[in-house]
Protein backbone atom coordinates (compact mmCIF):
# COMPACT_ATOMS: atom_id res chain seq x y z
CA UNK A 1 50.84 156.96 97.80
CA UNK A 2 47.52 155.16 98.21
CA UNK A 3 44.18 156.90 97.92
CA UNK A 4 43.56 156.50 101.65
CA UNK A 5 46.94 158.01 102.51
CA UNK A 6 46.26 160.96 100.22
CA UNK A 7 42.85 161.50 101.76
CA UNK A 8 44.31 161.57 105.25
CA UNK A 9 46.96 164.07 104.17
CA UNK A 10 44.46 166.38 102.55
CA UNK A 11 42.09 166.10 105.50
CA UNK A 12 44.84 167.06 107.90
CA UNK A 13 45.81 170.06 105.81
CA UNK A 14 42.25 171.27 105.55
CA UNK A 15 41.69 170.77 109.24
CA UNK A 16 44.61 173.08 109.99
CA UNK A 17 43.40 175.70 107.52
CA UNK A 18 39.65 175.63 108.04
CA UNK A 19 38.83 173.49 111.01
CA UNK A 20 37.04 171.05 108.67
CA UNK A 21 37.89 167.64 107.28
CA UNK A 22 37.91 166.56 103.66
CA UNK A 23 37.72 163.36 101.64
CA UNK A 24 38.49 164.30 98.04
CA UNK A 25 38.79 161.81 95.23
CA UNK A 26 42.10 160.71 93.80
CA UNK A 27 42.67 161.62 90.16
CA UNK A 28 41.96 158.90 87.63
CA UNK A 29 44.66 156.70 86.18
CA UNK A 30 44.18 155.19 82.73
CA UNK A 31 43.90 151.43 82.54
CA UNK A 32 45.32 151.20 79.04
CA UNK A 33 46.48 153.13 76.00
CA UNK A 34 49.05 155.83 75.45
CA UNK A 35 49.55 159.33 76.87
CA UNK A 36 48.61 161.55 74.42
CA UNK A 37 24.73 181.20 86.82
CA UNK A 38 24.80 181.35 89.98
CA UNK A 39 21.13 180.70 90.74
CA UNK A 40 18.66 181.78 93.35
CA UNK A 41 18.11 178.31 94.83
CA UNK A 42 18.77 178.10 98.58
CA UNK A 43 22.16 176.94 99.74
CA UNK A 44 22.23 174.63 102.77
CA UNK A 45 24.45 175.82 105.60
CA UNK A 46 25.85 172.36 106.37
CA UNK A 47 26.06 168.96 104.68
CA UNK A 48 23.65 166.24 105.65
CA UNK A 49 25.30 163.04 106.84
CA UNK A 50 24.08 161.29 103.67
CA UNK A 51 26.16 163.63 101.49
CA UNK A 52 29.17 163.95 103.78
CA UNK A 53 31.60 162.32 101.33
CA UNK A 54 30.40 164.64 98.57
CA UNK A 55 30.82 167.65 100.87
CA UNK A 56 34.37 166.59 101.70
CA UNK A 57 35.18 166.17 98.01
CA UNK A 58 33.87 169.63 97.18
CA UNK A 59 35.88 171.11 99.99
CA UNK A 60 39.06 169.41 98.77
CA UNK A 61 38.54 170.16 95.06
CA UNK A 62 41.73 172.25 94.83
CA UNK A 63 43.76 169.11 95.49
CA UNK A 64 41.65 166.30 94.00
CA UNK A 65 38.65 166.31 91.71
CA UNK A 66 35.12 165.96 93.08
CA UNK A 67 33.40 163.40 90.86
CA UNK A 68 29.66 163.03 90.27
CA UNK A 69 28.12 160.08 88.38
CA UNK A 70 24.53 160.63 87.17
CA UNK A 71 22.79 157.24 86.80
CA UNK A 72 19.33 157.08 85.33
CA UNK A 73 16.89 157.07 82.45
CA UNK A 74 15.77 159.69 79.92
CA UNK A 75 15.14 162.30 82.65
CA UNK A 76 18.85 162.81 83.50
CA UNK A 77 19.84 161.93 79.93
CA UNK A 78 18.03 165.08 78.92
CA UNK A 79 15.30 164.09 76.50
CA UNK A 80 13.27 167.21 75.86
CA UNK A 81 16.25 169.58 75.99
CA UNK A 82 17.02 171.45 72.78
CA UNK A 83 20.79 171.02 73.15
CA UNK A 84 23.00 168.64 75.06
CA UNK A 85 24.40 171.55 77.09
CA UNK A 86 20.91 172.59 78.25
CA UNK A 87 20.28 169.26 80.04
CA UNK A 88 19.72 169.73 83.75
CA UNK A 89 22.73 167.61 84.70
CA UNK A 90 25.01 169.89 82.67
CA UNK A 91 23.34 173.04 83.99
CA UNK A 92 23.78 171.72 87.53
CA UNK A 93 27.46 171.09 86.83
CA UNK A 94 27.82 174.67 85.59
CA UNK A 95 26.16 175.94 88.76
CA UNK A 96 28.39 173.84 91.02
CA UNK A 97 31.49 175.16 89.31
CA UNK A 98 30.28 178.72 89.72
CA UNK A 99 29.56 178.25 93.41
CA UNK A 100 32.73 176.26 94.02
CA UNK A 101 35.32 177.64 91.58
CA UNK A 102 38.72 176.05 91.14
CA UNK A 103 41.50 178.38 90.03
CA UNK A 104 42.84 177.64 86.54
CA UNK A 105 40.38 174.75 86.12
CA UNK A 106 37.31 175.93 84.18
CA UNK A 107 36.32 172.30 83.63
CA UNK A 108 35.35 170.23 80.60
CA UNK A 109 32.04 168.49 79.89
CA UNK A 110 33.23 165.34 81.66
CA UNK A 111 32.20 161.87 80.50
CA UNK A 112 29.68 161.51 77.71
CA UNK A 113 28.86 158.32 75.84
CA UNK A 114 29.75 157.87 72.19
CA UNK A 115 26.01 157.42 71.46
CA UNK A 116 22.93 158.96 73.04
CA UNK A 117 19.66 157.07 73.22
CA UNK A 118 17.34 160.08 72.87
CA UNK A 119 15.58 160.67 69.58
CA UNK A 120 13.86 163.53 67.76
CA UNK A 121 11.56 165.36 67.91
CA UNK A 122 12.00 165.61 71.70
CA UNK A 123 15.76 166.18 71.33
CA UNK A 124 17.78 166.74 68.18
CA UNK A 125 21.27 166.59 69.64
CA UNK A 126 21.58 162.80 69.98
CA UNK A 127 24.29 162.45 67.35
CA UNK A 128 27.66 163.59 68.69
CA UNK A 129 30.09 162.40 66.00
CA UNK A 130 30.63 164.99 63.26
CA UNK A 131 31.56 162.45 60.59
CA UNK A 132 31.69 158.69 60.10
CA UNK A 133 32.78 156.34 57.33
CA UNK A 134 32.11 152.63 57.07
CA UNK A 135 30.09 150.57 59.51
CA UNK A 136 29.48 152.72 62.62
CA UNK A 137 26.43 151.89 64.73
CA UNK A 138 25.08 151.98 68.24
CA UNK A 139 25.85 148.61 69.80
CA UNK A 140 22.73 146.45 69.70
CA UNK A 141 23.68 144.97 73.05
CA UNK A 142 26.81 146.18 74.79
CA UNK A 143 29.40 143.47 75.27
CA UNK A 144 30.54 145.17 78.44
CA UNK A 145 28.56 147.11 81.03
CA UNK A 146 29.84 150.57 80.13
CA UNK A 147 28.57 153.56 82.06
CA UNK A 148 25.41 154.07 80.05
CA UNK A 149 25.25 150.97 77.89
CA UNK A 150 25.64 153.31 74.92
CA UNK A 151 28.83 152.19 73.19
CA UNK A 152 29.35 152.49 69.45
CA UNK A 153 30.54 149.55 67.39
CA UNK A 154 33.02 150.30 64.62
CA UNK A 155 33.36 147.65 61.97
CA UNK A 156 36.68 146.81 60.33
CA UNK A 157 38.17 149.87 58.58
CA UNK A 158 35.45 152.20 59.91
CA UNK A 159 36.31 155.75 61.04
CA UNK A 160 34.47 158.25 63.21
CA UNK A 161 35.34 161.73 64.49
CA UNK A 162 34.24 163.50 67.69
CA UNK A 163 34.76 167.15 68.64
CA UNK A 164 35.71 168.15 72.17
CA UNK A 165 37.01 171.19 74.02
CA UNK A 166 39.70 171.16 76.66
CA UNK A 167 43.23 170.24 77.66
CA UNK A 168 42.90 166.47 78.21
CA UNK A 169 40.86 163.54 76.97
CA UNK A 170 40.12 160.01 78.16
CA UNK A 171 38.90 157.61 75.47
CA UNK A 172 36.97 154.65 76.95
CA UNK A 173 36.80 151.36 75.04
CA UNK A 174 35.61 147.80 75.63
CA UNK A 175 38.26 145.15 76.11
CA UNK A 176 38.78 141.96 74.16
CA UNK A 177 37.41 143.06 70.82
CA UNK A 178 40.23 144.10 68.50
CA UNK A 179 42.54 146.94 67.53
CA UNK A 180 42.05 150.58 66.61
CA UNK A 181 44.02 153.80 66.37
CA UNK A 182 43.12 157.34 67.35
CA UNK A 183 44.46 160.72 66.26
CA UNK A 184 43.94 164.03 68.01
CA UNK A 185 43.82 166.93 65.54
CA UNK A 186 46.72 166.42 63.11
CA UNK A 187 48.89 164.45 65.51
CA UNK A 188 50.37 161.01 65.13
CA UNK A 189 48.10 157.98 65.27
CA UNK A 190 48.22 155.98 68.51
CA UNK A 191 47.59 152.24 68.24
CA UNK A 192 45.44 150.46 70.85
CA UNK A 193 44.99 146.70 71.14
CA UNK A 194 41.92 146.17 73.31
CA UNK A 195 42.88 142.53 73.82
CA UNK A 196 45.86 143.58 75.95
CA UNK A 197 43.66 144.86 78.79
CA UNK A 198 42.72 142.60 81.69
CA UNK A 199 39.81 144.87 82.66
CA UNK A 200 36.39 144.89 81.00
CA UNK A 201 37.00 148.47 79.89
CA UNK A 202 40.12 150.38 79.01
CA UNK A 203 40.98 154.07 78.97
CA UNK A 204 43.47 155.76 76.66
CA UNK A 205 44.54 159.18 77.91
CA UNK A 206 45.58 162.29 76.03
CA UNK A 207 47.22 165.03 78.10
CA UNK A 208 48.83 168.44 77.69
CA UNK A 209 46.71 169.81 74.83
CA UNK A 210 46.38 173.53 74.28
CA UNK A 211 43.12 174.79 75.74
CA UNK A 212 40.46 175.09 73.04
CA UNK A 213 38.61 173.06 70.44
CA UNK A 214 39.97 169.72 69.21
CA UNK A 215 38.86 166.61 67.37
CA UNK A 216 39.64 162.95 67.95
CA UNK A 217 39.39 160.56 65.01
CA UNK A 218 39.06 156.85 65.69
CA UNK A 219 39.90 154.25 63.04
CA UNK A 220 39.06 150.60 63.62
CA UNK A 221 41.43 148.04 62.16
CA UNK A 222 39.12 145.24 63.36
CA UNK A 223 35.66 145.55 64.96
CA UNK A 224 35.80 147.43 68.28
CA UNK A 225 33.40 148.99 70.77
CA UNK A 226 34.06 152.59 71.83
CA UNK A 227 32.20 153.47 75.02
CA UNK A 228 32.65 157.19 75.62
CA UNK A 229 34.94 160.16 76.06
CA UNK A 230 35.84 162.26 79.09
CA UNK A 231 36.85 165.81 78.17
CA UNK A 232 38.80 167.77 80.79
CA UNK A 233 39.65 171.46 80.70
CA UNK A 234 42.26 171.88 83.42
CA UNK A 235 40.21 169.61 85.72
CA UNK A 236 41.70 166.17 85.27
CA UNK A 237 43.04 166.11 88.82
CA UNK A 238 41.02 168.88 90.48
CA UNK A 239 37.75 170.76 90.24
CA UNK A 240 34.34 169.12 89.65
CA UNK A 241 33.69 166.46 87.00
CA UNK A 242 30.44 164.90 85.77
CA UNK A 243 30.09 161.36 84.40
CA UNK A 244 26.89 160.74 82.43
CA UNK A 245 25.66 157.20 83.16
CA UNK A 246 22.06 157.42 81.99
CA UNK A 247 20.10 156.27 78.97
CA UNK A 248 16.57 156.57 77.67
CA UNK A 249 14.45 153.55 78.54
CA UNK A 250 16.70 152.42 81.38
CA UNK A 251 15.33 150.50 84.33
CA UNK A 252 17.05 149.52 87.56
CA UNK A 253 17.58 146.10 86.00
CA UNK A 254 19.50 147.74 83.13
CA UNK A 255 22.33 148.42 85.57
CA UNK A 256 22.09 145.20 87.59
CA UNK A 257 21.92 142.72 84.70
CA UNK A 258 25.75 142.65 84.74
CA UNK A 259 26.32 144.26 88.11
CA UNK A 260 30.00 143.28 88.52
CA UNK A 261 30.82 144.69 85.08
CA UNK A 262 28.86 147.87 85.73
CA UNK A 263 30.51 148.37 89.12
CA UNK A 264 33.91 148.03 87.42
CA UNK A 265 32.95 150.92 85.14
CA UNK A 266 31.66 152.97 88.06
CA UNK A 267 34.80 152.28 90.10
CA UNK A 268 36.94 153.57 87.24
CA UNK A 269 35.36 157.01 87.68
CA UNK A 270 36.35 157.09 91.38
CA UNK A 271 33.01 158.68 92.31
CA UNK A 272 32.32 160.89 95.32
CA UNK A 273 28.62 161.18 94.49
CA UNK A 274 26.18 158.97 92.57
CA UNK A 275 22.69 160.27 91.85
CA UNK A 276 20.09 157.70 90.76
CA UNK A 277 17.00 158.75 88.81
CA UNK A 278 15.05 155.58 88.00
CA UNK A 279 11.60 154.09 88.36
CA UNK A 280 9.38 155.41 85.60
CA UNK A 281 10.32 152.75 83.06
CA UNK A 282 10.28 150.02 85.71
CA UNK A 283 6.73 150.98 86.62
CA UNK A 284 5.39 150.03 83.20
CA UNK A 285 6.44 146.38 83.49
CA UNK A 286 7.61 145.60 87.03
CA UNK A 287 5.65 145.38 90.26
CA UNK A 288 6.74 147.64 93.12
CA UNK A 289 8.30 144.62 94.87
CA UNK A 290 10.28 143.64 91.76
CA UNK A 291 11.40 147.23 91.30
CA UNK A 292 12.51 147.39 94.92
CA UNK A 293 14.62 144.23 94.55
CA UNK A 294 16.42 145.62 91.49
CA UNK A 295 16.89 149.10 92.95
CA UNK A 296 18.19 147.75 96.26
CA UNK A 297 20.65 145.53 94.41
CA UNK A 298 22.04 148.57 92.60
CA UNK A 299 22.41 150.59 95.79
CA UNK A 300 24.01 147.69 97.65
CA UNK A 301 26.47 147.27 94.79
CA UNK A 302 27.48 150.92 94.91
CA UNK A 303 27.89 150.77 98.66
CA UNK A 304 30.10 147.69 98.31
CA UNK A 305 32.77 149.60 96.36
CA UNK A 306 36.15 149.94 98.06
CA UNK A 307 35.55 153.69 98.35
CA UNK A 308 31.74 154.00 98.39
CA UNK A 309 30.35 157.36 97.29
CA UNK A 310 27.56 159.46 98.69
CA UNK A 311 24.30 158.36 97.06
CA UNK A 312 21.27 160.53 96.32
CA UNK A 313 18.02 158.96 95.11
CA UNK A 314 15.70 161.12 93.03
CA UNK A 315 11.95 160.63 92.90
CA UNK A 316 10.67 161.21 89.38
CA UNK A 317 6.92 160.52 89.64
CA UNK A 318 5.75 164.11 89.26
CA UNK A 319 1.96 164.50 89.57
CA UNK A 320 0.42 166.01 86.46
CA UNK A 321 2.90 164.43 84.05
CA UNK A 322 2.27 161.40 81.90
CA UNK A 323 4.74 159.47 84.07
CA UNK A 324 1.85 158.57 86.35
CA UNK A 325 -0.37 156.99 83.66
CA UNK A 326 -0.59 153.41 82.40
CA UNK A 327 1.63 151.92 85.10
CA UNK A 328 1.57 148.37 86.44
CA UNK A 329 0.62 149.76 89.87
CA UNK A 330 -0.06 153.12 91.48
CA UNK A 331 2.72 155.67 90.98
CA UNK A 332 2.73 156.34 94.71
CA UNK A 333 3.72 152.74 95.39
CA UNK A 334 6.88 153.13 93.30
CA UNK A 335 7.63 156.50 94.81
CA UNK A 336 7.29 154.96 98.26
CA UNK A 337 9.88 152.33 97.31
CA UNK A 338 12.46 155.01 96.48
CA UNK A 339 11.75 156.92 99.70
CA UNK A 340 11.99 153.74 101.80
CA UNK A 341 15.24 152.65 100.18
CA UNK A 342 16.77 156.06 100.79
CA UNK A 343 15.93 155.73 104.48
CA UNK A 344 17.04 152.11 104.82
CA UNK A 345 20.33 152.52 102.94
CA UNK A 346 21.34 155.88 104.38
CA UNK A 347 21.03 157.60 101.01
CA UNK A 348 19.89 161.17 100.47
CA UNK A 349 16.50 161.67 98.81
CA UNK A 350 15.08 164.49 96.71
CA UNK A 351 11.77 164.61 94.85
CA UNK A 352 11.52 166.25 91.44
CA UNK A 353 7.90 166.98 92.32
CA UNK A 354 9.30 169.58 94.73
CA UNK A 355 11.11 171.24 91.82
CA UNK A 356 8.33 171.22 89.22
CA UNK A 357 5.32 173.23 90.49
CA UNK A 358 1.68 172.27 89.99
CA UNK A 359 0.90 175.69 88.56
CA UNK A 360 2.32 176.12 85.08
CA UNK A 361 3.68 172.58 84.91
CA UNK A 362 2.66 172.16 81.27
CA UNK A 363 4.87 175.08 80.26
CA UNK A 364 7.90 173.21 81.64
CA UNK A 365 7.32 169.97 79.70
CA UNK A 366 7.98 168.94 76.12
CA UNK A 367 5.12 167.83 73.89
CA UNK A 368 5.06 164.28 75.29
CA UNK A 369 3.99 165.55 78.70
CA UNK A 370 6.83 163.65 80.35
CA UNK A 371 10.23 165.15 79.60
CA UNK A 372 11.18 168.67 80.71
CA UNK A 373 11.77 171.27 77.98
CA UNK A 374 14.57 173.81 78.31
CA UNK A 375 12.65 175.82 80.91
CA UNK A 376 11.94 172.65 82.89
CA UNK A 377 15.57 171.55 82.65
CA UNK A 378 16.59 174.89 84.18
CA UNK A 379 14.07 174.58 87.01
CA UNK A 380 15.31 171.08 87.88
CA UNK A 381 18.94 172.22 87.67
CA UNK A 382 18.32 175.09 90.09
CA UNK A 383 16.62 172.73 92.52
CA UNK A 384 19.27 169.99 92.38
CA UNK A 385 22.03 172.59 92.64
CA UNK A 386 20.54 173.66 95.93
CA UNK A 387 20.59 170.08 97.20
CA UNK A 388 24.19 169.46 96.15
CA UNK A 389 25.55 172.78 97.42
CA UNK A 390 26.41 171.27 100.75
CA UNK A 391 28.50 173.97 102.42
C-alpha cells in the first residue's frame, strides 16, 4: 500500500469517527542493514492553514507517527542547557506527548546525531558515546549531507559505544565508505557494508527489544561515517517523533550547500513538520539579501519534496540578547526577511522574542548573553508547545 493510499484510508476512518480529516505519516522503512508537564501555555482551538499537515498527523498518531524535524543552529541544538534532555526541543516533545498521548507508545528520544557541536562551559553534555577505542572523531567535513552535518568518523578497527533507551533503534550511516559491524547489548554482531547502498545514507534497524536501557557498540573494519541514531520506545510506527537536524554555527547555507543530499536525508524521516531556526550566524557574514536567497532555497527545497511537510519559521533575534550586536546589518533587517519568507511561502511564523520577556531576560540566558539557560529553555518550550498544539 502506498503512502497516499494509507493516508486516504486513515482520513476516511477519522472522518467517520470524528468528522475531521487526517494526513498522518507512514512509518519509516530502513534503506539498508539488518533487522535487529503539561504546561500553562495557551492551546489554539483550531489549526492554522500553515500547520494543517502537522495537525492531521497529530490527529492520526494512533495509526502513523507524527514526525517533527528541528532544523537550525545552536538555539535549537540547545547550547546553554545543562543536560541534553533539558533542551527546549526535547521539552517541547515531552509536552506534545503529554497533550497528545498514544497508548502503549511512551516514545523514545528520536533522532540524535552521533556528535554534538556544542562545547563547554555553556553545555557539558556534548559527548554522547560512553566509550571509544581507536580513531574516533567528529567528521571534519561530512561526506554526505546528514541531518545535522554531525557524523562521526571511525577509523579502521575503531570502536564506539552509545547508550539508548527503548524498544527499537535506527542506526544511520553514510554510504560508500566501508564496512562495520554493530552489536546491541550482548547480541550477535551484524555486518554492514556501506558500499552496498545506492542512497547517500543508509539505515540499519533493530526491532523488538525489551523496553529499557540498552547499548549499541559499533566496530569499524574500515573507515566509516556514522551519522546518528533514532531511539524509539513503542513509537516506531505511531506517536510523536523528533528528529534533531541542528548544529552550532549553522547558517542557511549550511543546509543548501548540498541541497539534494540534505533533502534525501530529510525525506528519509518522512516529516510532517519542519521548524527552521536560523539567521543569527548568517547575520555576522551575509547581507540580508544573501541570507534571503539561501533561506528561500532551503524552504523551496523542503516544499519540493514528494510529501512536503508543514513548515514553521522561527525568528531568533531577541532584543536584549547579544544576538543583535556586531552584525553585518541591522538585526531587524534579518528578522524582516524571515517574516517575509513565511508570508510568501505559506509557512507559519513564530518569534522567540514573544517567548522571552524584556523583564528578567538576563535570568533566562547563559553567561554568553545569547543562549538560553535551563529556565530559558523551559520558557521557549512552553511557548513553542502552544504554537504546535494545533487542536
